[in-house]
Amino acid sequence: MKITDITAIIDTREQTPLTLEYKPGHILSSEKGTLYTGDYSLSGLEERVAIERKSLDDLMGCIGQHRERFEKEIIRLRGYETKAIIIESTWRKIENGNYRSRVKPTAAIGTLMGWIAGGIPIVLAGDHAKAGVFVARMLYITARRRYNELKALGQL
């Protein structure tokens, strides 16, 4: 399987799409599409892969005033084989309250730990560019793993 065989799907509602650079100078091909949940998936595996991307301010909105809506997203994410929430921040920024929100750092960390305990991987990527690298790598590894599974089963 070559990297050129993989196409990422970026949800049409994604406001600030990531550059999906899985290693320096190598960007996954992508196309826009409507995903049931999450912001990123793989062509042909949309029902198996869902990755949600959040800026720090957006995350605080999801923990605070939009929590009820986002909890429905969390429930949908749990149904996917490959899932994660990639956050454009660090633990230190959250712990220090370096964001525009009334959400207390302890409440934010508690919510993230609750999602982790509920089976949702949380990745704190640091910034937007690094989030793109992490999403690209996760999509590439997932596609390669699926390809190898199908090959081993004689379906390729």
C-alpha atoms as a PDB file:
ATOM      1  CA  MET A   1       0.000   0.000   0.000  1.00  0.00           C
ATOM      2  CA  LYS A   2       1.298   3.425  -0.937  1.00  0.00           C
ATOM      3  CA  ILE A   3       0.504   6.671   0.788  1.00  0.00           C
ATOM      4  CA  THR A   4      -1.070   7.851  -2.461  1.00  0.00           C
ATOM      5  CA  ASP A   5      -3.732   5.153  -2.006  1.00  0.00           C
ATOM      6  CA  ILE A   6      -5.063   6.946   1.080  1.00  0.00           C
ATOM      7  CA  THR A   7      -7.557   9.803   0.974  1.00  0.00           C
ATOM      8  CA  ALA A   8      -8.551  11.654   4.118  1.00  0.00           C
ATOM      9  CA  ILE A   9     -12.085  12.971   4.400  1.00  0.00           C
ATOM     10  CA  ILE A  10     -12.418  16.404   5.997  1.00  0.00           C
ATOM     11  CA  ASP A  11     -15.897  17.264   7.191  1.00  0.00           C
ATOM     12  CA  THR A  12     -17.519  20.121   5.297  1.00  0.00           C
ATOM     13  CA  ARG A  13     -18.272  21.860   8.609  1.00  0.00           C
ATOM     14  CA  GLU A  14     -14.594  21.948   9.637  1.00  0.00           C
ATOM     15  CA  GLN A  15     -13.808  25.649  10.101  1.00  0.00           C
ATOM     16  CA  THR A  16      -9.992  25.602  10.050  1.00  0.00           C
ATOM     17  CA  PRO A  17      -8.849  22.445   8.224  1.00  0.00           C
ATOM     18  CA  LEU A  18      -5.540  20.944   9.201  1.00  0.00           C
ATOM     19  CA  THR A  19      -2.639  20.351   6.838  1.00  0.00           C
ATOM     20  CA  LEU A  20      -2.343  16.565   7.056  1.00  0.00           C
ATOM     21  CA  GLU A  21       1.428  16.262   6.889  1.00  0.00           C
ATOM     22  CA  TYR A  22       2.247  12.776   8.170  1.00  0.00           C
ATOM     23  CA  LYS A  23       6.007  13.389   7.849  1.00  0.00           C
ATOM     24  CA  PRO A  24       7.969  16.409   6.602  1.00  0.00           C
ATOM     25  CA  GLY A  25       7.056  17.134   2.988  1.00  0.00           C
ATOM     26  CA  HIS A  26       4.451  14.349   2.735  1.00  0.00           C
ATOM     27  CA  ILE A  27       0.820  15.441   2.873  1.00  0.00           C
ATOM     28  CA  LEU A  28      -2.139  13.071   2.710  1.00  0.00           C
ATOM     29  CA  SER A  29      -4.522  13.716  -0.150  1.00  0.00           C
ATOM     30  CA  SER A  30      -7.903  14.832   1.097  1.00  0.00           C
ATOM     31  CA  GLU A  31     -11.377  15.738  -0.007  1.00  0.00           C
ATOM     32  CA  LYS A  32     -14.358  17.391   1.629  1.00  0.00           C
ATOM     33  CA  GLY A  33     -17.264  15.251   2.727  1.00  0.00           C
ATOM     34  CA  THR A  34     -20.076  15.129   5.248  1.00  0.00           C
ATOM     35  CA  LEU A  35     -19.159  12.937   8.208  1.00  0.00           C
ATOM     36  CA  TYR A  36     -21.682  11.561  10.700  1.00  0.00           C
ATOM     37  CA  THR A  37     -19.349  12.480  13.517  1.00  0.00           C
ATOM     38  CA  GLY A  38     -15.868  13.924  13.854  1.00  0.00           C
ATOM     39  CA  ASP A  39     -13.897  16.206  11.585  1.00  0.00           C
ATOM     40  CA  TYR A  40     -11.538  13.713   9.905  1.00  0.00           C
ATOM     41  CA  SER A  41     -11.894  10.177   8.568  1.00  0.00           C
ATOM     42  CA  LEU A  42     -10.678   7.959   5.730  1.00  0.00           C
ATOM     43  CA  SER A  43     -12.339   7.386   2.382  1.00  0.00           C
ATOM     44  CA  GLY A  44     -14.024   3.992   2.547  1.00  0.00           C
ATOM     45  CA  LEU A  45     -13.678   3.795   6.325  1.00  0.00           C
ATOM     46  CA  GLU A  46     -15.990   6.633   7.339  1.00  0.00           C
ATOM     47  CA  GLU A  47     -18.037   4.260   9.507  1.00  0.00           C
ATOM     48  CA  ARG A  48     -14.906   3.025  11.332  1.00  0.00           C
ATOM     49  CA  VAL A  49     -12.748   6.133  11.799  1.00  0.00           C
ATOM     50  CA  ALA A  50     -13.684   9.467  13.405  1.00  0.00           C
ATOM     51  CA  ILE A  51     -11.261  12.071  14.702  1.00  0.00           C
ATOM     52  CA  GLU A  52     -12.518  15.275  16.276  1.00  0.00           C
ATOM     53  CA  ARG A  53     -10.281  18.379  16.288  1.00  0.00           C
ATOM     54  CA  LYS A  54     -10.663  21.133  18.850  1.00  0.00           C
ATOM     55  CA  SER A  55      -8.919  24.435  19.404  1.00  0.00           C
ATOM     56  CA  LEU A  56      -8.533  25.239  23.099  1.00  0.00           C
ATOM     57  CA  ASP A  57     -11.275  27.898  23.047  1.00  0.00           C
ATOM     58  CA  ASP A  58     -13.633  25.552  21.179  1.00  0.00           C
ATOM     59  CA  LEU A  59     -12.890  22.782  23.686  1.00  0.00           C
ATOM     60  CA  MET A  60     -13.801  25.074  26.571  1.00  0.00           C
ATOM     61  CA  GLY A  61     -17.099  25.871  24.844  1.00  0.00           C
ATOM     62  CA  CYS A  62     -17.768  22.135  24.531  1.00  0.00           C
ATOM     63  CA  ILE A  63     -16.987  21.625  28.218  1.00  0.00           C
ATOM     64  CA  GLY A  64     -18.993  24.693  29.254  1.00  0.00           C
ATOM     65  CA  GLN A  65     -22.006  26.171  27.487  1.00  0.00           C
ATOM     66  CA  HIS A  66     -22.243  23.606  24.645  1.00  0.00           C
ATOM     67  CA  ARG A  67     -21.625  20.564  26.816  1.00  0.00           C
ATOM     68  CA  GLU A  68     -24.982  18.881  26.236  1.00  0.00           C
ATOM     69  CA  ARG A  69     -24.558  19.015  22.450  1.00  0.00           C
ATOM     70  CA  PHE A  70     -20.948  17.816  22.599  1.00  0.00           C
ATOM     71  CA  GLU A  71     -21.768  14.926  24.947  1.00  0.00           C
ATOM     72  CA  LYS A  72     -23.898  13.541  22.079  1.00  0.00           C
ATOM     73  CA  GLU A  73     -20.787  13.734  19.886  1.00  0.00           C
ATOM     74  CA  ILE A  74     -18.839  11.805  22.544  1.00  0.00           C
ATOM     75  CA  ILE A  75     -21.507   9.081  22.561  1.00  0.00           C
ATOM     76  CA  ARG A  76     -21.280   8.772  18.766  1.00  0.00           C
ATOM     77  CA  LEU A  77     -17.456   8.683  18.873  1.00  0.00           C
ATOM     78  CA  ARG A  78     -17.525   5.713  21.251  1.00  0.00           C
ATOM     79  CA  GLY A  79     -19.034   3.593  18.466  1.00  0.00           C
ATOM     80  CA  TYR A  80     -15.994   3.955  16.194  1.00  0.00           C
ATOM     81  CA  GLU A  81     -13.064   1.527  16.091  1.00  0.00           C
ATOM     82  CA  THR A  82     -10.563   4.353  15.644  1.00  0.00           C
ATOM     83  CA  LYS A  83     -11.461   7.547  17.424  1.00  0.00           C
ATOM     84  CA  ALA A  84      -9.820  10.443  19.199  1.00  0.00           C
ATOM     85  CA  ILE A  85     -10.156  14.063  20.136  1.00  0.00           C
ATOM     86  CA  ILE A  86      -7.079  16.008  19.035  1.00  0.00           C
ATOM     87  CA  ILE A  87      -6.733  19.248  20.990  1.00  0.00           C
ATOM     88  CA  GLU A  88      -4.610  22.197  19.870  1.00  0.00           C
ATOM     89  CA  SER A  89      -3.205  22.811  23.335  1.00  0.00           C
ATOM     90  CA  THR A  90      -1.039  21.415  26.122  1.00  0.00           C
ATOM     91  CA  TRP A  91      -1.932  20.169  29.578  1.00  0.00           C
ATOM     92  CA  ARG A  92      -0.001  23.115  31.040  1.00  0.00           C
ATOM     93  CA  LYS A  93      -2.156  25.686  29.196  1.00  0.00           C
ATOM     94  CA  ILE A  94      -5.277  23.994  30.516  1.00  0.00           C
ATOM     95  CA  GLU A  95      -3.889  23.659  34.057  1.00  0.00           C
ATOM     96  CA  ASN A  96      -2.922  27.354  34.046  1.00  0.00           C
ATOM     97  CA  GLY A  97      -6.288  28.464  32.662  1.00  0.00           C
ATOM     98  CA  ASN A  98      -4.689  30.023  29.570  1.00  0.00           C
ATOM     99  CA  TYR A  99      -7.964  30.286  27.649  1.00  0.00           C
ATOM    100  CA  ARG A 100     -10.999  32.546  27.292  1.00  0.00           C
ATOM    101  CA  SER A 101     -13.667  30.800  29.314  1.00  0.00           C
ATOM    102  CA  ARG A 102     -15.173  30.686  32.765  1.00  0.00           C
ATOM    103  CA  VAL A 103     -14.528  26.940  32.905  1.00  0.00           C
ATOM    104  CA  LYS A 104     -12.175  26.258  35.797  1.00  0.00           C
ATOM    105  CA  PRO A 105      -8.996  24.306  34.978  1.00  0.00           C
ATOM    106  CA  THR A 106      -9.954  21.550  37.432  1.00  0.00           C
ATOM    107  CA  ALA A 107     -13.327  21.147  35.709  1.00  0.00           C
ATOM    108  CA  ALA A 108     -11.689  21.048  32.267  1.00  0.00           C
ATOM    109  CA  ILE A 109      -9.149  18.422  33.338  1.00  0.00           C
ATOM    110  CA  GLY A 110     -11.858  16.427  35.100  1.00  0.00           C
ATOM    111  CA  THR A 111     -13.972  16.410  31.943  1.00  0.00           C
ATOM    112  CA  LEU A 112     -11.038  15.272  29.790  1.00  0.00           C
ATOM    113  CA  MET A 113     -10.202  12.507  32.282  1.00  0.00           C
ATOM    114  CA  GLY A 114     -13.845  11.437  32.237  1.00  0.00           C
ATOM    115  CA  TRP A 115     -13.811  11.165  28.449  1.00  0.00           C
ATOM    116  CA  ILE A 116     -10.586   9.160  28.600  1.00  0.00           C
ATOM    117  CA  ALA A 117     -12.091   6.859  31.241  1.00  0.00           C
ATOM    118  CA  GLY A 118     -15.094   6.459  28.930  1.00  0.00           C
ATOM    119  CA  GLY A 119     -12.925   5.170  26.098  1.00  0.00           C
ATOM    120  CA  ILE A 120     -12.170   8.322  24.110  1.00  0.00           C
ATOM    121  CA  PRO A 121      -8.455   8.933  23.491  1.00  0.00           C
ATOM    122  CA  ILE A 122      -7.469  12.547  24.094  1.00  0.00           C
ATOM    123  CA  VAL A 123      -4.355  13.880  22.350  1.00  0.00           C
ATOM    124  CA  LEU A 124      -2.987  17.268  23.321  1.00  0.00           C
ATOM    125  CA  ALA A 125      -1.037  18.222  20.230  1.00  0.00           C
ATOM    126  CA  GLY A 126       0.244  21.634  21.305  1.00  0.00           C
ATOM    127  CA  ASP A 127      -0.798  23.686  18.289  1.00  0.00           C
ATOM    128  CA  HIS A 128      -2.666  23.622  14.971  1.00  0.00           C
ATOM    129  CA  ALA A 129       0.299  22.454  12.856  1.00  0.00           C
ATOM    130  CA  LYS A 130       1.186  19.605  15.215  1.00  0.00           C
ATOM    131  CA  ALA A 131      -2.485  18.589  15.363  1.00  0.00           C
ATOM    132  CA  GLY A 132      -2.315  18.131  11.578  1.00  0.00           C
ATOM    133  CA  VAL A 133       0.707  15.853  11.948  1.00  0.00           C
ATOM    134  CA  PHE A 134      -0.995  13.770  14.646  1.00  0.00           C
ATOM    135  CA  VAL A 135      -4.250  13.409  12.685  1.00  0.00           C
ATOM    136  CA  ALA A 136      -2.344  12.493   9.507  1.00  0.00           C
ATOM    137  CA  ARG A 137      -0.272   9.876  11.306  1.00  0.00           C
ATOM    138  CA  MET A 138      -3.318   8.379  12.978  1.00  0.00           C
ATOM    139  CA  LEU A 139      -5.153   8.171   9.643  1.00  0.00           C
ATOM    140  CA  TYR A 140      -2.138   6.691   7.864  1.00  0.00           C
ATOM    141  CA  ILE A 141      -1.524   4.058  10.558  1.00  0.00           C
ATOM    142  CA  THR A 142      -5.224   3.153  10.589  1.00  0.00           C
ATOM    143  CA  ALA A 143      -5.340   2.777   6.791  1.00  0.00           C
ATOM    144  CA  ARG A 144      -2.163   0.681   6.768  1.00  0.00           C
ATOM    145  CA  ARG A 145      -3.475  -1.554   9.568  1.00  0.00           C
ATOM    146  CA  ARG A 146      -6.786  -2.099   7.738  1.00  0.00           C
ATOM    147  CA  TYR A 147      -4.943  -2.872   4.493  1.00  0.00           C
ATOM    148  CA  ASN A 148      -2.769  -5.458   6.279  1.00  0.00           C
ATOM    149  CA  GLU A 149      -5.845  -7.054   7.902  1.00  0.00           C
ATOM    150  CA  LEU A 150      -7.610  -7.424   4.561  1.00  0.00           C
ATOM    151  CA  LYS A 151      -4.441  -8.746   2.937  1.00  0.00           C
ATOM    152  CA  ALA A 152      -4.023 -11.363   5.694  1.00  0.00           C
ATOM    153  CA  LEU A 153      -7.637 -12.464   5.193  1.00  0.00           C
ATOM    154  CA  GLY A 154      -7.022 -12.867   1.452  1.00  0.00           C
ATOM    155  CA  GLN A 155      -9.497 -10.122   0.582  1.00  0.00           C
ATOM    156  CA  LEU A 156      -6.929  -8.114  -1.405  1.00  0.00           C
END
